[in-house]
Every structure is written in structure tokens, then in C-alpha cells.
Amino acid sequence: MKLELVPGNNFSVGDLVSVQNMPRNECFCIIGFRSGAGGGKVAILKALFNDTCIIEKPVSELQSLLIRGRL
């Protein structure tokens, strides 16, 4: 059985992600998107294990936590 991270940055609301340059154990759920300065796409993220933490990060800094393959 081979498992691999799903490539690409075609994210949707509800996807589980981590952020580059942040600890890998900090997981977020995408709750929305907006246009950033310069026209870039920015994701609005809600921390999974912290009820009060909501942050915004460019989509280019996100890494999917979804796995392709059988579990």
C-alpha cells in the first residue's frame, strides 16, 4: 500500500491543511477565501484544536493534510 500527499494547491472550503514555516502539528481547516493584496488568493483558516484561533495565509503557503491511497 502506497500513501502520498495530494499534490497541487486546488484547495476548497473544508480542506485540512498545515502552513509552511509553522509546526507541522498545527492543523487548520479552510473556512473561506478572499483576494489578497496584489490579486493573490488568501485562505482564511480556523485552527482545529484552538477554538479562538483564526488566521489568514496565502494559498501558496498551504500544504494539504489529505492523503491519496488506501488507509
C-alpha atoms as a PDB file:
ATOM      1  CA  MET A   1       0.000   0.000   0.000  1.00  0.00           C
ATOM      2  CA  LYS A   2       1.422   3.357  -1.056  1.00  0.00           C
ATOM      3  CA  LEU A   3       0.288   6.618   0.554  1.00  0.00           C
ATOM      4  CA  GLU A   4       1.226  10.055  -0.715  1.00  0.00           C
ATOM      5  CA  LEU A   5       0.210  13.630  -0.037  1.00  0.00           C
ATOM      6  CA  VAL A   6      -2.209  15.086  -2.538  1.00  0.00           C
ATOM      7  CA  PRO A   7      -0.206  17.482  -4.767  1.00  0.00           C
ATOM      8  CA  GLY A   8      -1.254  20.892  -6.009  1.00  0.00           C
ATOM      9  CA  ASN A   9      -2.937  23.854  -4.431  1.00  0.00           C
ATOM     10  CA  ASN A  10      -6.526  23.404  -5.569  1.00  0.00           C
ATOM     11  CA  PHE A  11      -7.946  23.897  -2.114  1.00  0.00           C
ATOM     12  CA  SER A  12     -11.614  24.074  -1.149  1.00  0.00           C
ATOM     13  CA  VAL A  13     -13.517  25.170   1.933  1.00  0.00           C
ATOM     14  CA  GLY A  14     -13.335  22.349   4.475  1.00  0.00           C
ATOM     15  CA  ASP A  15      -9.890  21.071   3.459  1.00  0.00           C
ATOM     16  CA  LEU A  16      -7.455  20.268   6.251  1.00  0.00           C
ATOM     17  CA  VAL A  17      -4.067  21.934   5.856  1.00  0.00           C
ATOM     18  CA  SER A  18      -0.846  22.886   7.570  1.00  0.00           C
ATOM     19  CA  VAL A  19       1.139  26.059   6.875  1.00  0.00           C
ATOM     20  CA  GLN A  20       4.759  26.181   5.695  1.00  0.00           C
ATOM     21  CA  ASN A  21       7.111  27.674   8.305  1.00  0.00           C
ATOM     22  CA  MET A  22       4.738  26.664  11.122  1.00  0.00           C
ATOM     23  CA  PRO A  23       4.974  23.485  13.213  1.00  0.00           C
ATOM     24  CA  ARG A  24       3.525  20.503  11.307  1.00  0.00           C
ATOM     25  CA  ASN A  25       1.323  19.571  14.289  1.00  0.00           C
ATOM     26  CA  GLU A  26      -0.631  22.854  13.950  1.00  0.00           C
ATOM     27  CA  CYS A  27      -3.548  21.848  11.745  1.00  0.00           C
ATOM     28  CA  PHE A  28      -6.165  24.122  10.218  1.00  0.00           C
ATOM     29  CA  CYS A  29      -9.444  23.868   8.345  1.00  0.00           C
ATOM     30  CA  ILE A  30     -10.100  26.263   5.459  1.00  0.00           C
ATOM     31  CA  ILE A  31     -13.258  28.257   6.242  1.00  0.00           C
ATOM     32  CA  GLY A  32     -13.102  30.705   3.327  1.00  0.00           C
ATOM     33  CA  PHE A  33     -11.074  32.601   0.771  1.00  0.00           C
ATOM     34  CA  ARG A  34     -10.509  36.239  -0.162  1.00  0.00           C
ATOM     35  CA  SER A  35      -8.400  38.211  -2.619  1.00  0.00           C
ATOM     36  CA  GLY A  36      -5.149  39.424  -1.148  1.00  0.00           C
ATOM     37  CA  ALA A  37      -3.002  42.425  -1.953  1.00  0.00           C
ATOM     38  CA  GLY A  38      -1.668  42.073  -5.478  1.00  0.00           C
ATOM     39  CA  GLY A  39      -4.503  39.762  -6.508  1.00  0.00           C
ATOM     40  CA  GLY A  40      -3.231  36.641  -4.751  1.00  0.00           C
ATOM     41  CA  LYS A  41      -5.644  34.163  -3.198  1.00  0.00           C
ATOM     42  CA  VAL A  42      -5.667  34.127   0.613  1.00  0.00           C
ATOM     43  CA  ALA A  43      -7.194  31.350   2.710  1.00  0.00           C
ATOM     44  CA  ILE A  44      -8.983  32.013   5.981  1.00  0.00           C
ATOM     45  CA  LEU A  45      -8.002  29.225   8.380  1.00  0.00           C
ATOM     46  CA  LYS A  46      -9.518  28.000  11.648  1.00  0.00           C
ATOM     47  CA  ALA A  47      -7.246  26.053  13.987  1.00  0.00           C
ATOM     48  CA  LEU A  48      -8.522  22.539  14.676  1.00  0.00           C
ATOM     49  CA  PHE A  49      -7.555  22.373  18.339  1.00  0.00           C
ATOM     50  CA  ASN A  50      -7.959  26.035  19.347  1.00  0.00           C
ATOM     51  CA  ASP A  51     -11.468  27.488  19.286  1.00  0.00           C
ATOM     52  CA  THR A  52     -10.297  31.101  19.130  1.00  0.00           C
ATOM     53  CA  CYS A  53      -7.506  30.930  16.532  1.00  0.00           C
ATOM     54  CA  ILE A  54      -8.424  32.163  13.040  1.00  0.00           C
ATOM     55  CA  ILE A  55      -5.630  33.264  10.694  1.00  0.00           C
ATOM     56  CA  GLU A  56      -5.167  34.223   7.045  1.00  0.00           C
ATOM     57  CA  LYS A  57      -2.376  32.816   4.883  1.00  0.00           C
ATOM     58  CA  PRO A  58      -1.628  32.887   1.145  1.00  0.00           C
ATOM     59  CA  VAL A  59      -2.745  29.688  -0.582  1.00  0.00           C
ATOM     60  CA  SER A  60       0.839  29.237  -1.815  1.00  0.00           C
ATOM     61  CA  GLU A  61       1.953  28.612   1.809  1.00  0.00           C
ATOM     62  CA  LEU A  62      -0.534  25.804   2.473  1.00  0.00           C
ATOM     63  CA  GLN A  63       0.174  22.080   2.488  1.00  0.00           C
ATOM     64  CA  SER A  64      -2.666  19.592   2.267  1.00  0.00           C
ATOM     65  CA  LEU A  65      -3.126  17.067   5.067  1.00  0.00           C
ATOM     66  CA  LEU A  66      -5.266  14.848   2.827  1.00  0.00           C
ATOM     67  CA  ILE A  67      -3.753  11.548   1.775  1.00  0.00           C
ATOM     68  CA  ARG A  68      -4.267   9.742  -1.512  1.00  0.00           C
ATOM     69  CA  GLY A  69      -4.363   5.989  -1.229  1.00  0.00           C
ATOM     70  CA  ARG A  70      -5.986   3.440   0.991  1.00  0.00           C
ATOM     71  CA  LEU A  71      -5.962   3.727   4.752  1.00  0.00           C
END
